[in-house]
């Protein structure tokens, strides 16, 4: 490689490394700053979701519009509303969701900029392992060389197994926070 081309390449690689490290540090900082709020959001969502399955989040960059997906026996209904629109309350009641607690959940998500909350599952040893996930897209993740990534925190109902590097054994893209809580970076705020 010619010397005059080496310096720009070295600068680009250093920038890439710095941005990746910075994103990870920022994500850890976000989690540490909002641990209690995130835990409360996950617990509130789990309680409400057991009564009537749904997912909720914000799909716009300014967090002004709420999307709610309500799951029935036969269909999944998806609705979009302005944050404080009255039709949202009517829709929640129509499908048997606790409107007051769901609005509280939405307000908490809005306050700390949570993008989406939902449940998902995967199979390990022929057994389903379910988890609640919260997606976050803080502004500081929009850095050069990082691409469009969402910071996702997962809450498992039981302790998980990790390798010696702190990666979830059943899905190595997830990193350990505690025995029941992991994080990862994804290209989508939903799974």
C-alpha atoms as a PDB file:
ATOM      1  CA  UNK A   1       0.000   0.000   0.000  1.00  0.00           C
ATOM      2  CA  UNK A   2       1.292   3.445  -0.820  1.00  0.00           C
ATOM      3  CA  UNK A   3       2.144   5.645   2.185  1.00  0.00           C
ATOM      4  CA  UNK A   4      -0.136   8.481   1.091  1.00  0.00           C
ATOM      5  CA  UNK A   5      -3.145   6.081   1.137  1.00  0.00           C
ATOM      6  CA  UNK A   6      -2.255   4.550   4.477  1.00  0.00           C
ATOM      7  CA  UNK A   7      -3.049   7.569   6.683  1.00  0.00           C
ATOM      8  CA  UNK A   8      -6.701   8.046   5.519  1.00  0.00           C
ATOM      9  CA  UNK A   9      -7.304   4.304   5.926  1.00  0.00           C
ATOM     10  CA  UNK A  10      -5.805   4.345   9.414  1.00  0.00           C
ATOM     11  CA  UNK A  11      -7.982   7.357  10.344  1.00  0.00           C
ATOM     12  CA  UNK A  12     -11.102   5.596   9.051  1.00  0.00           C
ATOM     13  CA  UNK A  13     -10.327   2.431  11.034  1.00  0.00           C
ATOM     14  CA  UNK A  14      -9.655   4.447  14.199  1.00  0.00           C
ATOM     15  CA  UNK A  15     -12.950   6.288  13.697  1.00  0.00           C
ATOM     16  CA  UNK A  16     -14.800   3.015  13.239  1.00  0.00           C
ATOM     17  CA  UNK A  17     -13.306   1.536  16.408  1.00  0.00           C
ATOM     18  CA  UNK A  18     -13.988   4.702  18.411  1.00  0.00           C
ATOM     19  CA  UNK A  19     -17.597   4.932  17.241  1.00  0.00           C
ATOM     20  CA  UNK A  20     -18.303   1.266  18.076  1.00  0.00           C
ATOM     21  CA  UNK A  21     -16.772   1.613  21.522  1.00  0.00           C
ATOM     22  CA  UNK A  22     -18.592   4.893  22.068  1.00  0.00           C
ATOM     23  CA  UNK A  23     -21.948   3.351  21.092  1.00  0.00           C
ATOM     24  CA  UNK A  24     -21.437   0.497  23.548  1.00  0.00           C
ATOM     25  CA  UNK A  25     -20.394   2.866  26.334  1.00  0.00           C
ATOM     26  CA  UNK A  26     -23.354   5.156  25.616  1.00  0.00           C
ATOM     27  CA  UNK A  27     -25.733   2.187  25.701  1.00  0.00           C
ATOM     28  CA  UNK A  28     -24.370   0.999  29.039  1.00  0.00           C
ATOM     29  CA  UNK A  29     -24.665   4.557  30.344  1.00  0.00           C
ATOM     30  CA  UNK A  30     -28.286   4.737  29.131  1.00  0.00           C
ATOM     31  CA  UNK A  31     -29.112   1.418  30.819  1.00  0.00           C
ATOM     32  CA  UNK A  32     -27.433   2.433  34.090  1.00  0.00           C
ATOM     33  CA  UNK A  33     -29.215   5.788  34.075  1.00  0.00           C
ATOM     34  CA  UNK A  34     -32.668   4.256  33.430  1.00  0.00           C
ATOM     35  CA  UNK A  35     -32.448   0.811  35.080  1.00  0.00           C
ATOM     36  CA  UNK A  36     -35.437   1.329  37.391  1.00  0.00           C
ATOM     37  CA  UNK A  37     -37.628   2.851  34.691  1.00  0.00           C
ATOM     38  CA  UNK A  38     -36.790   0.065  32.218  1.00  0.00           C
ATOM     39  CA  UNK A  39     -37.514  -2.616  34.841  1.00  0.00           C
ATOM     40  CA  UNK A  40     -40.850  -0.964  35.642  1.00  0.00           C
ATOM     41  CA  UNK A  41     -41.771  -0.737  31.953  1.00  0.00           C
ATOM     42  CA  UNK A  42     -40.987  -4.450  31.495  1.00  0.00           C
ATOM     43  CA  UNK A  43     -42.992  -5.455  34.588  1.00  0.00           C
ATOM     44  CA  UNK A  44     -45.976  -3.263  33.687  1.00  0.00           C
ATOM     45  CA  UNK A  45     -45.969  -4.546  30.126  1.00  0.00           C
ATOM     46  CA  UNK A  46     -45.763  -8.195  31.278  1.00  0.00           C
ATOM     47  CA  UNK A  47     -48.713  -7.707  33.625  1.00  0.00           C
ATOM     48  CA  UNK A  48     -50.860  -6.060  30.940  1.00  0.00           C
ATOM     49  CA  UNK A  49     -49.771  -8.500  28.217  1.00  0.00           C
ATOM     50  CA  UNK A  50     -50.860 -11.510  30.306  1.00  0.00           C
ATOM     51  CA  UNK A  51     -54.388 -10.078  30.374  1.00  0.00           C
ATOM     52  CA  UNK A  52     -54.511  -9.249  26.657  1.00  0.00           C
ATOM     53  CA  UNK A  53     -51.571  -9.771  24.255  1.00  0.00           C
ATOM     54  CA  UNK A  54     -50.349  -6.579  22.608  1.00  0.00           C
ATOM     55  CA  UNK A  55     -47.246  -4.634  21.717  1.00  0.00           C
ATOM     56  CA  UNK A  56     -46.767  -0.890  21.754  1.00  0.00           C
ATOM     57  CA  UNK A  57     -44.251   1.665  20.676  1.00  0.00           C
ATOM     58  CA  UNK A  58     -43.325   4.752  18.762  1.00  0.00           C
ATOM     59  CA  UNK A  59     -42.581   4.553  15.069  1.00  0.00           C
ATOM     60  CA  UNK A  60     -41.653   8.171  14.419  1.00  0.00           C
ATOM     61  CA  UNK A  61     -38.386   9.900  15.277  1.00  0.00           C
ATOM     62  CA  UNK A  62     -40.031  12.555  17.440  1.00  0.00           C
ATOM     63  CA  UNK A  63     -42.064  10.135  19.587  1.00  0.00           C
ATOM     64  CA  UNK A  64     -45.347  11.866  18.737  1.00  0.00           C
ATOM     65  CA  UNK A  65     -47.201   8.843  17.323  1.00  0.00           C
ATOM     66  CA  UNK A  66     -48.034   5.601  19.093  1.00  0.00           C
ATOM     67  CA  UNK A  67     -48.494   2.296  17.326  1.00  0.00           C
ATOM     68  CA  UNK A  68     -50.301  -0.466  19.152  1.00  0.00           C
ATOM     69  CA  UNK A  69     -50.673  -4.025  17.912  1.00  0.00           C
ATOM     70  CA  UNK A  70     -53.470  -5.992  19.548  1.00  0.00           C
ATOM     71  CA  UNK A  71     -53.451  -9.748  19.157  1.00  0.00           C
ATOM     72  CA  UNK A  72     -56.714 -11.689  19.190  1.00  0.00           C
ATOM     73  CA  UNK A  73     -57.325 -15.388  18.647  1.00  0.00           C
ATOM     74  CA  UNK A  74     -57.505 -14.940  14.901  1.00  0.00           C
ATOM     75  CA  UNK A  75     -55.941 -11.586  13.963  1.00  0.00           C
ATOM     76  CA  UNK A  76     -53.327  -9.009  14.810  1.00  0.00           C
ATOM     77  CA  UNK A  77     -54.696  -5.466  14.616  1.00  0.00           C
ATOM     78  CA  UNK A  78     -52.333  -2.543  14.189  1.00  0.00           C
ATOM     79  CA  UNK A  79     -53.371   1.020  14.967  1.00  0.00           C
ATOM     80  CA  UNK A  80     -51.514   4.339  14.803  1.00  0.00           C
ATOM     81  CA  UNK A  81     -52.496   7.322  16.944  1.00  0.00           C
ATOM     82  CA  UNK A  82     -51.194  10.736  17.911  1.00  0.00           C
ATOM     83  CA  UNK A  83     -49.753  10.523  21.416  1.00  0.00           C
ATOM     84  CA  UNK A  84     -52.770  11.935  23.285  1.00  0.00           C
ATOM     85  CA  UNK A  85     -55.519  11.098  20.826  1.00  0.00           C
ATOM     86  CA  UNK A  86     -58.856  10.094  22.395  1.00  0.00           C
ATOM     87  CA  UNK A  87     -59.391   7.294  19.869  1.00  0.00           C
ATOM     88  CA  UNK A  88     -56.480   5.421  21.466  1.00  0.00           C
ATOM     89  CA  UNK A  89     -58.319   5.152  24.779  1.00  0.00           C
ATOM     90  CA  UNK A  90     -61.484   3.973  22.993  1.00  0.00           C
ATOM     91  CA  UNK A  91     -59.529   1.332  21.056  1.00  0.00           C
ATOM     92  CA  UNK A  92     -57.847   0.020  24.211  1.00  0.00           C
ATOM     93  CA  UNK A  93     -61.209  -0.344  25.934  1.00  0.00           C
ATOM     94  CA  UNK A  94     -62.765  -1.991  22.874  1.00  0.00           C
ATOM     95  CA  UNK A  95     -60.165  -4.779  22.998  1.00  0.00           C
ATOM     96  CA  UNK A  96     -60.254  -5.196  26.777  1.00  0.00           C
ATOM     97  CA  UNK A  97     -56.975  -3.489  27.679  1.00  0.00           C
ATOM     98  CA  UNK A  98     -56.617  -1.427  30.855  1.00  0.00           C
ATOM     99  CA  UNK A  99     -56.551   2.050  29.279  1.00  0.00           C
ATOM    100  CA  UNK A 100     -55.206   3.885  32.333  1.00  0.00           C
ATOM    101  CA  UNK A 101     -52.292   1.492  32.918  1.00  0.00           C
ATOM    102  CA  UNK A 102     -51.513   1.293  29.193  1.00  0.00           C
ATOM    103  CA  UNK A 103     -51.394   5.097  29.006  1.00  0.00           C
ATOM    104  CA  UNK A 104     -49.076   5.041  32.021  1.00  0.00           C
ATOM    105  CA  UNK A 105     -46.834   2.573  30.202  1.00  0.00           C
ATOM    106  CA  UNK A 106     -46.813   4.738  27.068  1.00  0.00           C
ATOM    107  CA  UNK A 107     -45.945   7.826  29.124  1.00  0.00           C
ATOM    108  CA  UNK A 108     -43.031   6.011  30.793  1.00  0.00           C
ATOM    109  CA  UNK A 109     -41.755   4.834  27.413  1.00  0.00           C
ATOM    110  CA  UNK A 110     -42.041   8.350  26.008  1.00  0.00           C
ATOM    111  CA  UNK A 111     -40.219   9.837  28.992  1.00  0.00           C
ATOM    112  CA  UNK A 112     -37.042   7.789  28.491  1.00  0.00           C
ATOM    113  CA  UNK A 113     -37.337   7.385  24.701  1.00  0.00           C
ATOM    114  CA  UNK A 114     -38.187   3.679  24.461  1.00  0.00           C
ATOM    115  CA  UNK A 115     -39.023   2.783  20.897  1.00  0.00           C
ATOM    116  CA  UNK A 116     -40.945  -0.498  21.342  1.00  0.00           C
ATOM    117  CA  UNK A 117     -41.938  -3.128  23.915  1.00  0.00           C
ATOM    118  CA  UNK A 118     -43.077  -6.648  23.079  1.00  0.00           C
ATOM    119  CA  UNK A 119     -42.528 -10.305  23.849  1.00  0.00           C
ATOM    120  CA  UNK A 120     -40.841 -12.907  21.733  1.00  0.00           C
ATOM    121  CA  UNK A 121     -39.615 -16.463  22.103  1.00  0.00           C
ATOM    122  CA  UNK A 122     -37.159 -18.941  20.699  1.00  0.00           C
ATOM    123  CA  UNK A 123     -36.615 -22.648  21.199  1.00  0.00           C
ATOM    124  CA  UNK A 124     -33.694 -24.252  22.991  1.00  0.00           C
ATOM    125  CA  UNK A 125     -33.633 -27.993  23.610  1.00  0.00           C
ATOM    126  CA  UNK A 126     -37.168 -28.181  22.217  1.00  0.00           C
ATOM    127  CA  UNK A 127     -38.483 -25.839  24.915  1.00  0.00           C
ATOM    128  CA  UNK A 128     -39.776 -22.336  24.262  1.00  0.00           C
ATOM    129  CA  UNK A 129     -37.887 -19.551  26.013  1.00  0.00           C
ATOM    130  CA  UNK A 130     -39.880 -16.358  26.095  1.00  0.00           C
ATOM    131  CA  UNK A 131     -38.659 -12.886  26.921  1.00  0.00           C
ATOM    132  CA  UNK A 132     -39.829  -9.309  26.979  1.00  0.00           C
ATOM    133  CA  UNK A 133     -37.768  -6.869  24.992  1.00  0.00           C
ATOM    134  CA  UNK A 134     -37.503  -3.117  25.022  1.00  0.00           C
ATOM    135  CA  UNK A 135     -35.964  -1.331  22.046  1.00  0.00           C
ATOM    136  CA  UNK A 136     -34.303   2.026  22.383  1.00  0.00           C
ATOM    137  CA  UNK A 137     -32.994   4.333  19.681  1.00  0.00           C
ATOM    138  CA  UNK A 138     -31.288   7.165  21.544  1.00  0.00           C
ATOM    139  CA  UNK A 139     -30.021  10.036  19.431  1.00  0.00           C
ATOM    140  CA  UNK A 140     -26.395   9.332  20.309  1.00  0.00           C
ATOM    141  CA  UNK A 141     -26.502   6.024  18.458  1.00  0.00           C
ATOM    142  CA  UNK A 142     -26.628   7.976  15.180  1.00  0.00           C
ATOM    143  CA  UNK A 143     -22.865   8.185  14.852  1.00  0.00           C
ATOM    144  CA  UNK A 144     -20.600   7.755  11.827  1.00  0.00           C
ATOM    145  CA  UNK A 145     -19.807   4.157  10.925  1.00  0.00           C
ATOM    146  CA  UNK A 146     -22.475   2.652  13.196  1.00  0.00           C
ATOM    147  CA  UNK A 147     -25.331   2.342  10.720  1.00  0.00           C
ATOM    148  CA  UNK A 148     -28.907   2.231  11.897  1.00  0.00           C
ATOM    149  CA  UNK A 149     -28.853   0.230  15.121  1.00  0.00           C
ATOM    150  CA  UNK A 150     -31.298  -0.154  17.956  1.00  0.00           C
ATOM    151  CA  UNK A 151     -30.249  -0.917  21.495  1.00  0.00           C
ATOM    152  CA  UNK A 152     -32.424  -3.811  22.692  1.00  0.00           C
ATOM    153  CA  UNK A 153     -32.740  -4.981  26.291  1.00  0.00           C
ATOM    154  CA  UNK A 154     -34.255  -8.391  26.975  1.00  0.00           C
ATOM    155  CA  UNK A 155     -35.843  -9.547  30.220  1.00  0.00           C
ATOM    156  CA  UNK A 156     -36.051 -13.314  30.698  1.00  0.00           C
ATOM    157  CA  UNK A 157     -38.316 -14.895  33.307  1.00  0.00           C
ATOM    158  CA  UNK A 158     -35.605 -17.340  34.394  1.00  0.00           C
ATOM    159  CA  UNK A 159     -31.799 -17.237  34.621  1.00  0.00           C
ATOM    160  CA  UNK A 160     -29.946 -17.900  31.354  1.00  0.00           C
ATOM    161  CA  UNK A 161     -26.631 -19.581  30.583  1.00  0.00           C
ATOM    162  CA  UNK A 162     -23.685 -17.573  29.239  1.00  0.00           C
ATOM    163  CA  UNK A 163     -20.294 -18.426  27.837  1.00  0.00           C
ATOM    164  CA  UNK A 164     -17.081 -17.152  29.444  1.00  0.00           C
ATOM    165  CA  UNK A 165     -17.286 -13.958  27.357  1.00  0.00           C
ATOM    166  CA  UNK A 166     -20.737 -13.076  28.723  1.00  0.00           C
ATOM    167  CA  UNK A 167     -22.611 -14.060  25.560  1.00  0.00           C
ATOM    168  CA  UNK A 168     -25.925 -15.871  25.781  1.00  0.00           C
ATOM    169  CA  UNK A 169     -25.245 -19.525  24.895  1.00  0.00           C
ATOM    170  CA  UNK A 170     -28.377 -19.884  22.771  1.00  0.00           C
ATOM    171  CA  UNK A 171     -27.821 -16.636  20.860  1.00  0.00           C
ATOM    172  CA  UNK A 172     -24.317 -15.179  20.979  1.00  0.00           C
ATOM    173  CA  UNK A 173     -25.401 -11.725  19.809  1.00  0.00           C
ATOM    174  CA  UNK A 174     -26.955 -11.144  23.246  1.00  0.00           C
ATOM    175  CA  UNK A 175     -24.633  -9.971  26.028  1.00  0.00           C
ATOM    176  CA  UNK A 176     -25.114 -10.457  29.758  1.00  0.00           C
ATOM    177  CA  UNK A 177     -26.197  -7.653  32.081  1.00  0.00           C
ATOM    178  CA  UNK A 178     -27.501 -10.012  34.796  1.00  0.00           C
ATOM    179  CA  UNK A 179     -28.508 -13.677  34.734  1.00  0.00           C
ATOM    180  CA  UNK A 180     -31.967 -12.640  33.488  1.00  0.00           C
ATOM    181  CA  UNK A 181     -31.224  -9.457  31.532  1.00  0.00           C
ATOM    182  CA  UNK A 182     -29.273  -9.134  28.277  1.00  0.00           C
ATOM    183  CA  UNK A 183     -28.651  -6.541  25.620  1.00  0.00           C
ATOM    184  CA  UNK A 184     -27.881  -6.525  21.936  1.00  0.00           C
ATOM    185  CA  UNK A 185     -27.842  -4.187  18.947  1.00  0.00           C
ATOM    186  CA  UNK A 186     -30.259  -4.886  16.123  1.00  0.00           C
ATOM    187  CA  UNK A 187     -31.190  -3.363  12.795  1.00  0.00           C
ATOM    188  CA  UNK A 188     -34.910  -3.388  13.647  1.00  0.00           C
ATOM    189  CA  UNK A 189     -36.722  -2.158  16.739  1.00  0.00           C
ATOM    190  CA  UNK A 190     -39.117  -5.116  16.509  1.00  0.00           C
ATOM    191  CA  UNK A 191     -38.425  -8.828  16.272  1.00  0.00           C
END
